């Protein structure tokens, strides 16, 4: 009996050892799995934080870019409004020139157009005020043209047109013309005028 008990005891001891070994291995595996899970969780948290930071930075840059664009739009709108007012003021100033200021200007605009057309006979069209001024001082007007061009030019006063000033000069048959009205000249040189005005107003 003693021999049998010893055998049983040995079997139990070995069984206990094996059980303890299995338990220890299971604990180690469990710890390993827990550590891996912790690392994965930490990595995921880090990835989420990095992604959130990246998205936050992108959103921040988007907001800043939109704000800058909005400021630029408002600045351009303000500049455009100021330029528009300056151009309107210029037109009003041109429309209200005194006769002494205006007459030589009309002569110069007419001479410029005649030279461009290359003709000796022209029809002048403008607003009532300008046509009346030319008619009242026609002899002087022709003399000033002759001095400017070095030749005589036959001047025909045509029908009035809607304009703030300046002259529309055309050949008698109306086939060629040069529009030297103030509106047309401002329109032709508007880009240059805008650049000059913008530089004067905003540096």
N, C-alpha and C. Protein backbone atom coordinates (compact mmCIF):
# COMPACT_ATOMS: atom_id res chain seq x y z
N UNK A 1 0.83 -1.21 0.00
CA UNK A 1 0.00 0.00 0.00
C UNK A 1 0.85 1.24 0.00
N UNK A 2 1.94 1.14 0.76
CA UNK A 2 2.79 2.32 0.81
C UNK A 2 3.34 2.62 -0.56
N UNK A 3 3.71 1.63 -1.28
CA UNK A 3 4.26 1.83 -2.64
C UNK A 3 3.22 2.48 -3.54
N UNK A 4 1.98 2.03 -3.41
CA UNK A 4 0.92 2.59 -4.22
C UNK A 4 0.67 4.04 -3.87
N UNK A 5 0.73 4.32 -2.58
CA UNK A 5 0.51 5.71 -2.14
C UNK A 5 1.61 6.63 -2.64
N UNK A 6 2.82 6.10 -2.63
CA UNK A 6 3.96 6.89 -3.13
C UNK A 6 3.77 7.22 -4.61
N UNK A 7 3.35 6.21 -5.32
CA UNK A 7 3.12 6.40 -6.77
C UNK A 7 2.04 7.46 -6.99
N UNK A 8 0.97 7.34 -6.20
CA UNK A 8 -0.15 8.29 -6.32
C UNK A 8 0.32 9.70 -5.97
N UNK A 9 1.12 9.74 -4.89
CA UNK A 9 1.64 11.06 -4.47
C UNK A 9 2.52 11.68 -5.57
N UNK A 10 3.35 10.82 -6.18
CA UNK A 10 4.25 11.30 -7.25
C UNK A 10 3.44 11.79 -8.44
N UNK A 11 2.39 11.01 -8.74
CA UNK A 11 1.52 11.40 -9.86
C UNK A 11 0.86 12.74 -9.56
N UNK A 12 0.38 12.88 -8.32
CA UNK A 12 -0.28 14.14 -7.92
C UNK A 12 0.69 15.32 -7.97
N UNK A 13 1.95 15.01 -7.53
CA UNK A 13 2.96 16.08 -7.53
C UNK A 13 3.25 16.55 -8.95
N UNK A 14 3.43 15.54 -9.84
CA UNK A 14 3.70 15.86 -11.24
C UNK A 14 2.51 16.61 -11.85
N UNK A 15 1.33 16.13 -11.47
CA UNK A 15 0.12 16.79 -11.99
C UNK A 15 0.04 18.24 -11.52
N UNK A 16 0.38 18.42 -10.23
CA UNK A 16 0.38 19.78 -9.66
C UNK A 16 1.38 20.67 -10.39
N UNK A 17 2.57 20.06 -10.64
CA UNK A 17 3.60 20.84 -11.34
C UNK A 17 3.14 21.25 -12.74
N UNK A 18 2.54 20.27 -13.42
CA UNK A 18 2.06 20.54 -14.78
C UNK A 18 0.96 21.61 -14.77
N UNK A 19 0.08 21.45 -13.77
CA UNK A 19 -1.01 22.43 -13.64
C UNK A 19 -0.46 23.82 -13.39
N UNK A 20 0.55 23.86 -12.45
CA UNK A 20 1.17 25.14 -12.13
C UNK A 20 1.88 25.73 -13.34
N UNK A 21 2.53 24.85 -14.12
CA UNK A 21 3.24 25.28 -15.32
C UNK A 21 2.26 25.87 -16.33
N UNK A 22 1.14 25.14 -16.51
CA UNK A 22 0.11 25.60 -17.46
C UNK A 22 -0.47 26.93 -17.01
N UNK A 23 -0.71 27.02 -15.67
CA UNK A 23 -1.26 28.26 -15.12
C UNK A 23 -0.29 29.42 -15.32
N UNK A 24 1.01 29.13 -15.03
CA UNK A 24 2.03 30.17 -15.20
C UNK A 24 2.14 30.62 -16.66
N UNK A 25 2.10 29.63 -17.56
CA UNK A 25 2.17 29.94 -19.00
C UNK A 25 0.97 30.77 -19.42
N UNK A 26 -0.18 30.36 -18.89
CA UNK A 26 -1.41 31.08 -19.22
C UNK A 26 -1.33 32.52 -18.71
N UNK A 27 -0.77 32.67 -17.49
CA UNK A 27 -0.64 34.03 -16.92
C UNK A 27 0.30 34.89 -17.78
N UNK A 28 1.45 34.23 -18.15
CA UNK A 28 2.42 34.95 -18.98
C UNK A 28 1.80 35.35 -20.31
N UNK A 29 1.07 34.41 -20.91
CA UNK A 29 0.41 34.70 -22.20
C UNK A 29 -0.61 35.81 -22.04
N UNK A 30 -1.33 35.72 -20.90
CA UNK A 30 -2.34 36.74 -20.63
C UNK A 30 -1.70 38.11 -20.47
N UNK A 31 -0.55 38.14 -19.74
CA UNK A 31 0.17 39.40 -19.54
C UNK A 31 0.68 39.94 -20.88
N UNK A 32 1.20 38.96 -21.69
CA UNK A 32 1.72 39.35 -23.01
C UNK A 32 0.61 39.95 -23.87
N UNK A 33 -0.54 39.29 -23.84
CA UNK A 33 -1.68 39.77 -24.62
C UNK A 33 -2.15 41.14 -24.11
N UNK A 34 -2.16 41.27 -22.76
CA UNK A 34 -2.56 42.55 -22.17
C UNK A 34 -1.59 43.67 -22.61
N UNK A 35 -0.28 43.35 -22.59
CA UNK A 35 0.74 44.33 -22.97
C UNK A 35 0.58 44.71 -24.45
N UNK A 36 0.36 43.69 -25.28
CA UNK A 36 0.18 43.96 -26.71
C UNK A 36 -1.08 44.81 -26.93
N UNK A 37 -2.15 44.45 -26.20
CA UNK A 37 -3.39 45.21 -26.31
C UNK A 37 -3.19 46.65 -25.86
N UNK A 38 -2.40 46.80 -24.75
CA UNK A 38 -2.12 48.14 -24.24
C UNK A 38 -1.34 48.96 -25.28
N UNK A 39 -0.32 48.30 -25.88
CA UNK A 39 0.49 48.99 -26.89
C UNK A 39 -0.36 49.37 -28.12
N UNK A 40 -1.23 48.39 -28.52
CA UNK A 40 -2.11 48.68 -29.66
C UNK A 40 -3.04 49.84 -29.34
N UNK A 41 -3.56 49.82 -28.10
CA UNK A 41 -4.47 50.89 -27.67
C UNK A 41 -3.75 52.23 -27.64
N UNK A 42 -2.51 52.20 -27.11
CA UNK A 42 -1.71 53.44 -27.07
C UNK A 42 -1.41 53.94 -28.47
N UNK A 43 -1.06 52.99 -29.36
CA UNK A 43 -0.76 53.35 -30.75
C UNK A 43 -1.99 53.95 -31.43
N UNK A 44 -3.14 53.33 -31.15
CA UNK A 44 -4.38 53.83 -31.75
C UNK A 44 -4.72 55.22 -31.21
N UNK A 45 -4.54 55.38 -29.89
CA UNK A 45 -4.79 56.70 -29.27
C UNK A 45 -3.87 57.75 -29.89
N UNK A 46 -2.57 57.36 -30.06
CA UNK A 46 -1.60 58.28 -30.64
C UNK A 46 -1.97 58.64 -32.08
N UNK A 47 -2.40 57.60 -32.81
CA UNK A 47 -2.82 57.83 -34.21
C UNK A 47 -4.03 58.76 -34.27
N UNK A 48 -4.99 58.53 -33.36
CA UNK A 48 -6.20 59.37 -33.30
C UNK A 48 -5.82 60.81 -32.97
N UNK A 49 -4.89 60.97 -32.00
CA UNK A 49 -4.45 62.32 -31.62
C UNK A 49 -3.73 63.01 -32.77
N UNK A 50 -2.83 62.23 -33.47
CA UNK A 50 -2.10 62.81 -34.61
C UNK A 50 -3.08 63.23 -35.70
N UNK A 51 -4.05 62.37 -35.96
CA UNK A 51 -5.05 62.67 -36.99
C UNK A 51 -5.86 63.90 -36.62
N UNK A 52 -6.24 63.96 -35.32
CA UNK A 52 -7.01 65.11 -34.84
C UNK A 52 -6.21 66.40 -34.97
N UNK A 53 -4.90 66.32 -34.60
CA UNK A 53 -4.03 67.49 -34.70
C UNK A 53 -3.88 67.94 -36.16
N UNK A 54 -3.70 66.95 -37.05
CA UNK A 54 -3.57 67.25 -38.48
C UNK A 54 -4.84 67.92 -39.01
N UNK A 55 -5.98 67.33 -38.65
CA UNK A 55 -7.26 67.89 -39.09
C UNK A 55 -7.47 69.29 -38.52
N UNK A 56 -7.06 69.46 -37.25
CA UNK A 56 -7.20 70.77 -36.61
C UNK A 56 -6.33 71.80 -37.31
N UNK A 57 -5.11 71.39 -37.69
CA UNK A 57 -4.19 72.30 -38.39
C UNK A 57 -4.73 72.66 -39.77
N UNK A 58 -5.28 71.64 -40.46
CA UNK A 58 -5.87 71.88 -41.78
C UNK A 58 -7.04 72.86 -41.66
N UNK A 59 -7.88 72.63 -40.65
CA UNK A 59 -9.03 73.51 -40.43
C UNK A 59 -8.58 74.93 -40.08
N UNK A 60 -7.53 75.01 -39.25
CA UNK A 60 -6.98 76.31 -38.87
C UNK A 60 -6.48 77.06 -40.10
N UNK A 61 -5.72 76.34 -40.95
CA UNK A 61 -5.19 76.97 -42.17
C UNK A 61 -6.32 77.39 -43.11
N UNK A 62 -7.38 76.55 -43.17
CA UNK A 62 -8.53 76.88 -44.02
C UNK A 62 -9.21 78.15 -43.53
N UNK A 63 -9.39 78.24 -42.20
CA UNK A 63 -10.03 79.42 -41.61
C UNK A 63 -9.19 80.67 -41.87
N UNK A 64 -7.85 80.53 -41.67
CA UNK A 64 -6.95 81.66 -41.90
C UNK A 64 -6.99 82.09 -43.37
N UNK A 65 -6.95 81.09 -44.28
CA UNK A 65 -6.98 81.39 -45.72
C UNK A 65 -8.28 82.09 -46.10
N UNK A 66 -9.41 81.59 -45.56
CA UNK A 66 -10.71 82.21 -45.84
C UNK A 66 -10.77 83.63 -45.30
N UNK A 67 -10.21 83.82 -44.11
CA UNK A 67 -10.20 85.15 -43.49
C UNK A 67 -9.37 86.12 -44.33
N UNK A 68 -8.20 85.65 -44.79
CA UNK A 68 -7.33 86.48 -45.63
C UNK A 68 -8.04 86.83 -46.94
N UNK A 69 -8.71 85.82 -47.51
CA UNK A 69 -9.44 86.05 -48.76
C UNK A 69 -10.55 87.07 -48.57
N UNK A 70 -11.25 86.95 -47.45
CA UNK A 70 -12.35 87.88 -47.14
C UNK A 70 -11.82 89.30 -46.96
N UNK A 71 -10.68 89.40 -46.25
CA UNK A 71 -10.05 90.73 -46.05
C UNK A 71 -9.65 91.31 -47.40
N UNK A 72 -9.05 90.45 -48.25
CA UNK A 72 -8.62 90.91 -49.59
C UNK A 72 -9.82 91.37 -50.41
N UNK A 73 -10.91 90.59 -50.34
CA UNK A 73 -12.13 90.96 -51.09
C UNK A 73 -12.65 92.32 -50.63
N UNK A 74 -12.68 92.50 -49.30
CA UNK A 74 -13.18 93.76 -48.75
C UNK A 74 -12.28 94.92 -49.12
N UNK A 75 -10.96 94.67 -49.11
CA UNK A 75 -10.00 95.71 -49.47
C UNK A 75 -10.17 96.09 -50.94
N UNK A 76 -10.30 95.06 -51.81
CA UNK A 76 -10.49 95.32 -53.24
C UNK A 76 -11.81 96.05 -53.50
N UNK A 77 -12.85 95.66 -52.75
CA UNK A 77 -14.15 96.33 -52.90
C UNK A 77 -14.05 97.79 -52.48
N UNK A 78 -13.33 98.04 -51.39
CA UNK A 78 -13.14 99.42 -50.91
C UNK A 78 -12.32 100.22 -51.92
N UNK A 79 -11.27 99.59 -52.47
CA UNK A 79 -10.45 100.26 -53.49
C UNK A 79 -11.29 100.58 -54.72
N UNK A 80 -12.09 99.60 -55.14
CA UNK A 80 -12.93 99.78 -56.33
C UNK A 80 -13.91 100.93 -56.12
N UNK A 81 -14.49 100.99 -54.93
CA UNK A 81 -15.45 102.05 -54.63
C UNK A 81 -14.77 103.42 -54.64
N UNK A 82 -13.56 103.49 -54.06
CA UNK A 82 -12.82 104.76 -54.06
C UNK A 82 -12.42 105.17 -55.48
N UNK A 83 -11.96 104.19 -56.27
CA UNK A 83 -11.57 104.47 -57.65
C UNK A 83 -12.79 104.95 -58.44
N UNK A 84 -13.93 104.28 -58.23
CA UNK A 84 -15.17 104.68 -58.91
C UNK A 84 -15.53 106.13 -58.58
N UNK A 85 -15.40 106.47 -57.28
CA UNK A 85 -15.72 107.83 -56.86
C UNK A 85 -14.77 108.85 -57.47
N UNK A 86 -13.48 108.47 -57.55
CA UNK A 86 -12.49 109.37 -58.15
C UNK A 86 -12.80 109.58 -59.63
N UNK A 87 -13.15 108.49 -60.34
CA UNK A 87 -13.49 108.60 -61.76
C UNK A 87 -14.75 109.44 -61.97
N UNK A 88 -15.73 109.24 -61.09
CA UNK A 88 -16.95 110.04 -61.18
C UNK A 88 -16.63 111.52 -60.93
N UNK A 89 -15.76 111.76 -59.95
CA UNK A 89 -15.35 113.13 -59.64
C UNK A 89 -14.62 113.75 -60.83
N UNK A 90 -13.78 112.92 -61.49
CA UNK A 90 -13.05 113.40 -62.68
C UNK A 90 -14.03 113.78 -63.79
N UNK A 91 -15.04 112.94 -64.01
CA UNK A 91 -16.04 113.24 -65.05
C UNK A 91 -16.80 114.53 -64.72
N UNK A 92 -17.16 114.68 -63.44
CA UNK A 92 -17.87 115.90 -63.02
C UNK A 92 -16.99 117.14 -63.22
N UNK A 93 -15.70 116.97 -62.89
CA UNK A 93 -14.76 118.09 -63.07
C UNK A 93 -14.63 118.45 -64.55
N UNK A 94 -14.52 117.44 -65.40
CA UNK A 94 -14.41 117.69 -66.85
C UNK A 94 -15.67 118.34 -67.40
N UNK A 95 -16.82 117.90 -66.87
CA UNK A 95 -18.10 118.43 -67.36
C UNK A 95 -18.31 119.88 -66.95
N UNK A 96 -17.60 120.32 -65.91
CA UNK A 96 -17.81 121.68 -65.39
C UNK A 96 -16.61 122.60 -65.64
N UNK A 97 -15.77 122.23 -66.60
CA UNK A 97 -14.62 123.09 -66.93
C UNK A 97 -15.10 124.46 -67.40
N UNK A 98 -14.36 125.49 -67.02
CA UNK A 98 -14.70 126.83 -67.51
C UNK A 98 -14.40 126.90 -69.01
N UNK A 99 -14.96 127.87 -69.68
CA UNK A 99 -14.76 128.01 -71.12
C UNK A 99 -13.28 128.19 -71.46
N UNK A 100 -12.58 128.98 -70.65
CA UNK A 100 -11.16 129.23 -70.90
C UNK A 100 -10.32 127.95 -70.76
N UNK A 101 -10.72 127.05 -69.86
CA UNK A 101 -10.02 125.77 -69.72
C UNK A 101 -10.44 124.80 -70.82
N UNK A 102 -11.72 124.84 -71.15
CA UNK A 102 -12.30 123.83 -72.02
C UNK A 102 -11.97 124.05 -73.50
N UNK A 103 -11.98 125.31 -73.95
CA UNK A 103 -11.78 125.59 -75.38
C UNK A 103 -10.47 125.00 -75.91
N UNK A 104 -9.31 125.31 -75.30
CA UNK A 104 -8.07 124.73 -75.82
C UNK A 104 -8.04 123.20 -75.76
N UNK A 105 -8.79 122.63 -74.81
CA UNK A 105 -8.86 121.18 -74.72
C UNK A 105 -9.61 120.60 -75.93
N UNK A 106 -10.70 121.26 -76.30
CA UNK A 106 -11.47 120.83 -77.48
C UNK A 106 -10.63 120.95 -78.74
N UNK A 107 -9.87 122.03 -78.84
CA UNK A 107 -8.98 122.22 -79.99
C UNK A 107 -7.98 121.06 -80.06
N UNK A 108 -7.36 120.76 -78.92
CA UNK A 108 -6.36 119.70 -78.87
C UNK A 108 -6.94 118.33 -79.22
N UNK A 109 -8.13 118.02 -78.69
CA UNK A 109 -8.77 116.73 -78.98
C UNK A 109 -9.15 116.63 -80.46
N UNK A 110 -9.59 117.75 -81.05
CA UNK A 110 -9.95 117.77 -82.47
C UNK A 110 -8.71 117.59 -83.33
N UNK A 111 -7.63 118.33 -83.00
CA UNK A 111 -6.39 118.23 -83.76
C UNK A 111 -5.85 116.80 -83.71
N UNK A 112 -5.90 116.19 -82.55
CA UNK A 112 -5.45 114.81 -82.39
C UNK A 112 -6.23 113.86 -83.30
N UNK A 113 -7.55 114.06 -83.36
CA UNK A 113 -8.41 113.19 -84.17
C UNK A 113 -8.17 113.42 -85.66
N UNK A 114 -8.05 114.69 -86.08
CA UNK A 114 -7.82 115.02 -87.49
C UNK A 114 -6.51 114.40 -87.96
N UNK A 115 -5.49 114.51 -87.12
CA UNK A 115 -4.19 113.93 -87.46
C UNK A 115 -4.30 112.42 -87.61
N UNK A 116 -5.06 111.79 -86.74
CA UNK A 116 -5.25 110.33 -86.80
C UNK A 116 -6.03 109.93 -88.04
N UNK A 117 -7.03 110.74 -88.40
CA UNK A 117 -7.86 110.43 -89.57
C UNK A 117 -7.11 110.72 -90.88
N UNK A 118 -6.23 111.71 -90.86
CA UNK A 118 -5.48 112.08 -92.07
C UNK A 118 -6.35 112.71 -93.14
N UNK A 119 -7.33 113.54 -92.73
CA UNK A 119 -8.22 114.21 -93.68
C UNK A 119 -8.15 115.73 -93.47
N UNK A 120 -8.71 116.48 -94.46
CA UNK A 120 -8.71 117.95 -94.37
C UNK A 120 -10.11 118.52 -94.14
N UNK A 121 -11.09 117.62 -94.04
CA UNK A 121 -12.48 118.05 -93.88
C UNK A 121 -13.14 117.11 -92.87
N UNK A 122 -13.68 117.68 -91.79
CA UNK A 122 -14.24 116.82 -90.73
C UNK A 122 -15.58 117.35 -90.23
N UNK A 123 -16.34 116.41 -89.68
CA UNK A 123 -17.59 116.76 -89.00
C UNK A 123 -17.35 116.56 -87.50
N UNK A 124 -17.71 117.59 -86.73
CA UNK A 124 -17.54 117.52 -85.29
C UNK A 124 -18.89 117.31 -84.62
N UNK A 125 -18.95 116.36 -83.71
CA UNK A 125 -20.17 116.11 -82.95
C UNK A 125 -19.83 116.09 -81.46
N UNK A 126 -20.71 116.68 -80.68
CA UNK A 126 -20.51 116.71 -79.23
C UNK A 126 -21.83 117.12 -78.58
N UNK A 127 -21.75 117.50 -77.29
CA UNK A 127 -22.98 117.97 -76.63
C UNK A 127 -23.29 119.41 -77.06
N UNK A 128 -24.45 119.89 -76.70
CA UNK A 128 -24.89 121.23 -77.14
C UNK A 128 -23.91 122.32 -76.70
N UNK A 129 -23.44 122.22 -75.47
CA UNK A 129 -22.53 123.25 -74.95
C UNK A 129 -21.26 123.36 -75.80
N UNK A 130 -20.68 122.19 -76.13
CA UNK A 130 -19.43 122.18 -76.90
C UNK A 130 -19.64 122.69 -78.31
N UNK A 131 -20.71 122.23 -78.97
CA UNK A 131 -20.99 122.67 -80.34
C UNK A 131 -21.24 124.17 -80.38
N UNK A 132 -21.95 124.68 -79.39
CA UNK A 132 -22.22 126.12 -79.31
C UNK A 132 -20.92 126.90 -79.15
N UNK A 133 -20.01 126.40 -78.31
CA UNK A 133 -18.72 127.04 -78.09
C UNK A 133 -17.90 127.09 -79.38
N UNK A 134 -17.90 125.98 -80.13
CA UNK A 134 -17.15 125.91 -81.39
C UNK A 134 -17.74 126.91 -82.40
N UNK A 135 -19.07 126.94 -82.49
CA UNK A 135 -19.73 127.85 -83.44
C UNK A 135 -19.42 129.31 -83.08
N UNK A 136 -19.51 129.64 -81.80
CA UNK A 136 -19.27 131.02 -81.36
C UNK A 136 -17.82 131.46 -81.58
N UNK A 137 -16.90 130.51 -81.55
CA UNK A 137 -15.49 130.87 -81.71
C UNK A 137 -14.87 130.11 -82.89
N UNK A 138 -15.66 129.94 -83.94
CA UNK A 138 -15.26 129.11 -85.07
C UNK A 138 -13.98 129.60 -85.75
N UNK A 139 -13.87 130.91 -85.98
CA UNK A 139 -12.67 131.44 -86.65
C UNK A 139 -11.43 131.15 -85.80
N UNK A 140 -11.55 131.41 -84.52
CA UNK A 140 -10.43 131.15 -83.61
C UNK A 140 -10.13 129.65 -83.55
N UNK A 141 -11.20 128.86 -83.58
CA UNK A 141 -11.05 127.40 -83.51
C UNK A 141 -10.26 126.89 -84.72
N UNK A 142 -10.63 127.38 -85.93
CA UNK A 142 -9.94 126.95 -87.15
C UNK A 142 -8.49 127.42 -87.16
N UNK A 143 -8.26 128.63 -86.65
CA UNK A 143 -6.90 129.17 -86.60
C UNK A 143 -6.03 128.32 -85.66
N UNK A 144 -6.58 127.96 -84.51
CA UNK A 144 -5.84 127.12 -83.55
C UNK A 144 -5.55 125.74 -84.14
N UNK A 145 -6.51 125.21 -84.91
CA UNK A 145 -6.29 123.92 -85.57
C UNK A 145 -5.17 124.04 -86.60
N UNK A 146 -5.18 125.13 -87.36
CA UNK A 146 -4.14 125.34 -88.38
C UNK A 146 -2.77 125.43 -87.73
N UNK A 147 -2.71 126.12 -86.60
CA UNK A 147 -1.44 126.23 -85.89
C UNK A 147 -0.96 124.87 -85.37
N UNK A 148 -1.89 124.08 -84.91
CA UNK A 148 -1.54 122.77 -84.35
C UNK A 148 -1.15 121.76 -85.43
N UNK A 149 -1.84 121.84 -86.60
CA UNK A 149 -1.65 120.83 -87.64
C UNK A 149 -0.76 121.29 -88.79
N UNK A 150 -0.56 122.62 -88.90
CA UNK A 150 0.24 123.15 -90.01
C UNK A 150 -0.51 123.13 -91.32
N UNK A 151 -1.83 123.09 -91.27
CA UNK A 151 -2.65 123.11 -92.49
C UNK A 151 -4.06 123.56 -92.12
N UNK A 152 -4.79 124.01 -93.14
CA UNK A 152 -6.19 124.39 -92.93
C UNK A 152 -7.07 123.15 -92.92
N UNK A 153 -8.05 123.18 -92.06
CA UNK A 153 -9.00 122.06 -91.97
C UNK A 153 -10.41 122.64 -92.03
N UNK A 154 -11.23 122.07 -92.92
CA UNK A 154 -12.63 122.50 -93.00
C UNK A 154 -13.41 121.81 -91.89
N UNK A 155 -14.08 122.62 -91.11
CA UNK A 155 -14.82 122.09 -89.96
C UNK A 155 -16.32 122.23 -90.19
N UNK A 156 -17.03 121.10 -90.06
CA UNK A 156 -18.49 121.10 -90.18
C UNK A 156 -19.04 120.72 -88.80
N UNK A 157 -19.93 121.54 -88.28
CA UNK A 157 -20.53 121.24 -86.98
C UNK A 157 -21.72 120.31 -87.20
N UNK A 158 -21.64 119.13 -86.63
CA UNK A 158 -22.68 118.12 -86.83
C UNK A 158 -23.76 118.16 -85.77
N UNK A 159 -24.51 117.07 -85.69
CA UNK A 159 -25.61 116.95 -84.75
C UNK A 159 -25.08 116.68 -83.33
N UNK A 160 -25.80 117.16 -82.32
CA UNK A 160 -25.35 116.90 -80.93
C UNK A 160 -25.49 115.42 -80.56
N UNK A 161 -24.65 115.01 -79.63
CA UNK A 161 -24.70 113.64 -79.10
C UNK A 161 -24.69 113.72 -77.57
N UNK A 162 -25.03 112.60 -76.93
CA UNK A 162 -25.03 112.54 -75.47
C UNK A 162 -23.60 112.30 -74.97
N UNK A 163 -23.01 113.31 -74.38
CA UNK A 163 -21.67 113.19 -73.84
C UNK A 163 -21.43 114.30 -72.82
N UNK A 164 -20.49 114.09 -71.91
CA UNK A 164 -20.17 115.14 -70.94
C UNK A 164 -19.21 116.16 -71.52
N UNK A 165 -18.56 115.81 -72.63
CA UNK A 165 -17.63 116.75 -73.25
C UNK A 165 -16.67 116.04 -74.18
N UNK A 166 -15.75 116.85 -74.76
CA UNK A 166 -14.86 116.30 -75.76
C UNK A 166 -15.57 116.30 -77.11
N UNK A 167 -14.96 115.64 -78.11
CA UNK A 167 -15.54 115.65 -79.46
C UNK A 167 -15.46 114.27 -80.13
N UNK A 168 -16.48 114.02 -80.95
CA UNK A 168 -16.46 112.88 -81.85
C UNK A 168 -16.17 113.45 -83.23
N UNK A 169 -15.05 113.06 -83.82
CA UNK A 169 -14.62 113.63 -85.11
C UNK A 169 -14.74 112.55 -86.18
N UNK A 170 -15.44 112.87 -87.28
CA UNK A 170 -15.61 111.88 -88.33
C UNK A 170 -15.47 112.50 -89.70
N UNK A 171 -15.24 111.64 -90.70
CA UNK A 171 -15.17 112.12 -92.09
C UNK A 171 -16.59 112.51 -92.52
N UNK A 172 -16.71 113.40 -93.51
CA UNK A 172 -18.05 113.86 -93.93
C UNK A 172 -19.00 112.72 -94.32
N UNK A 173 -18.46 111.63 -94.88
CA UNK A 173 -19.34 110.51 -95.25
C UNK A 173 -19.59 109.56 -94.07
N UNK A 174 -18.94 109.81 -92.93
CA UNK A 174 -19.18 109.02 -91.73
C UNK A 174 -18.53 107.65 -91.73
N UNK A 175 -17.63 107.39 -92.71
CA UNK A 175 -17.04 106.05 -92.80
C UNK A 175 -15.93 105.83 -91.76
N UNK A 176 -15.25 106.91 -91.39
CA UNK A 176 -14.19 106.79 -90.38
C UNK A 176 -14.42 107.83 -89.29
N UNK A 177 -14.04 107.50 -88.09
CA UNK A 177 -14.23 108.43 -86.98
C UNK A 177 -13.23 108.18 -85.87
N UNK A 178 -13.00 109.21 -85.08
CA UNK A 178 -12.20 109.09 -83.86
C UNK A 178 -13.04 109.66 -82.73
N UNK A 179 -13.30 108.80 -81.75
CA UNK A 179 -14.12 109.22 -80.62
C UNK A 179 -13.22 109.79 -79.52
N UNK A 180 -13.16 111.11 -79.46
CA UNK A 180 -12.38 111.78 -78.43
C UNK A 180 -13.29 112.46 -77.40
N UNK A 181 -14.46 111.87 -77.18
CA UNK A 181 -15.30 112.36 -76.08
C UNK A 181 -14.61 111.98 -74.77
N UNK A 182 -14.94 112.69 -73.71
CA UNK A 182 -14.30 112.40 -72.43
C UNK A 182 -14.57 110.97 -71.97
N UNK A 183 -15.82 110.52 -72.16
CA UNK A 183 -16.15 109.16 -71.72
C UNK A 183 -15.30 108.12 -72.45
N UNK A 184 -15.16 108.32 -73.77
CA UNK A 184 -14.40 107.37 -74.58
C UNK A 184 -12.92 107.36 -74.20
N UNK A 185 -12.39 108.54 -73.97
CA UNK A 185 -10.96 108.62 -73.61
C UNK A 185 -10.72 108.03 -72.22
N UNK A 186 -11.64 108.28 -71.29
CA UNK A 186 -11.51 107.68 -69.96
C UNK A 186 -11.58 106.15 -70.07
N UNK A 187 -12.50 105.65 -70.90
CA UNK A 187 -12.63 104.20 -71.09
C UNK A 187 -11.37 103.61 -71.70
N UNK A 188 -10.77 104.32 -72.70
CA UNK A 188 -9.57 103.82 -73.37
C UNK A 188 -8.38 103.75 -72.41
N UNK A 189 -8.31 104.73 -71.53
CA UNK A 189 -7.16 104.80 -70.63
C UNK A 189 -7.52 104.39 -69.20
N UNK A 190 -8.65 103.68 -69.06
CA UNK A 190 -9.14 103.36 -67.71
C UNK A 190 -8.15 102.52 -66.91
N UNK A 191 -7.54 101.51 -67.54
CA UNK A 191 -6.57 100.67 -66.82
C UNK A 191 -5.42 101.51 -66.29
N UNK A 192 -4.90 102.39 -67.15
CA UNK A 192 -3.81 103.27 -66.74
C UNK A 192 -4.27 104.24 -65.65
N UNK A 193 -5.49 104.77 -65.84
CA UNK A 193 -6.05 105.69 -64.85
C UNK A 193 -6.24 104.98 -63.51
N UNK A 194 -6.76 103.76 -63.56
CA UNK A 194 -7.00 102.99 -62.34
C UNK A 194 -5.68 102.75 -61.60
N UNK A 195 -4.63 102.39 -62.36
CA UNK A 195 -3.33 102.13 -61.75
C UNK A 195 -2.79 103.40 -61.09
N UNK A 196 -2.94 104.53 -61.78
CA UNK A 196 -2.47 105.81 -61.25
C UNK A 196 -3.24 106.20 -59.98
N UNK A 197 -4.57 106.04 -60.06
CA UNK A 197 -5.43 106.38 -58.92
C UNK A 197 -5.13 105.48 -57.73
N UNK A 198 -5.01 104.16 -58.02
CA UNK A 198 -4.75 103.19 -56.94
C UNK A 198 -3.42 103.49 -56.26
N UNK A 199 -2.42 103.87 -57.06
CA UNK A 199 -1.09 104.18 -56.49
C UNK A 199 -1.17 105.44 -55.62
N UNK A 200 -1.92 106.41 -56.13
CA UNK A 200 -2.07 107.68 -55.37
C UNK A 200 -2.85 107.47 -54.07
N UNK A 201 -3.88 106.60 -54.13
CA UNK A 201 -4.73 106.39 -52.96
C UNK A 201 -4.14 105.40 -51.96
N UNK A 202 -3.50 104.34 -52.47
CA UNK A 202 -3.10 103.25 -51.59
C UNK A 202 -1.59 102.99 -51.57
N UNK A 203 -0.84 103.70 -52.40
CA UNK A 203 0.61 103.53 -52.40
C UNK A 203 1.06 102.26 -53.09
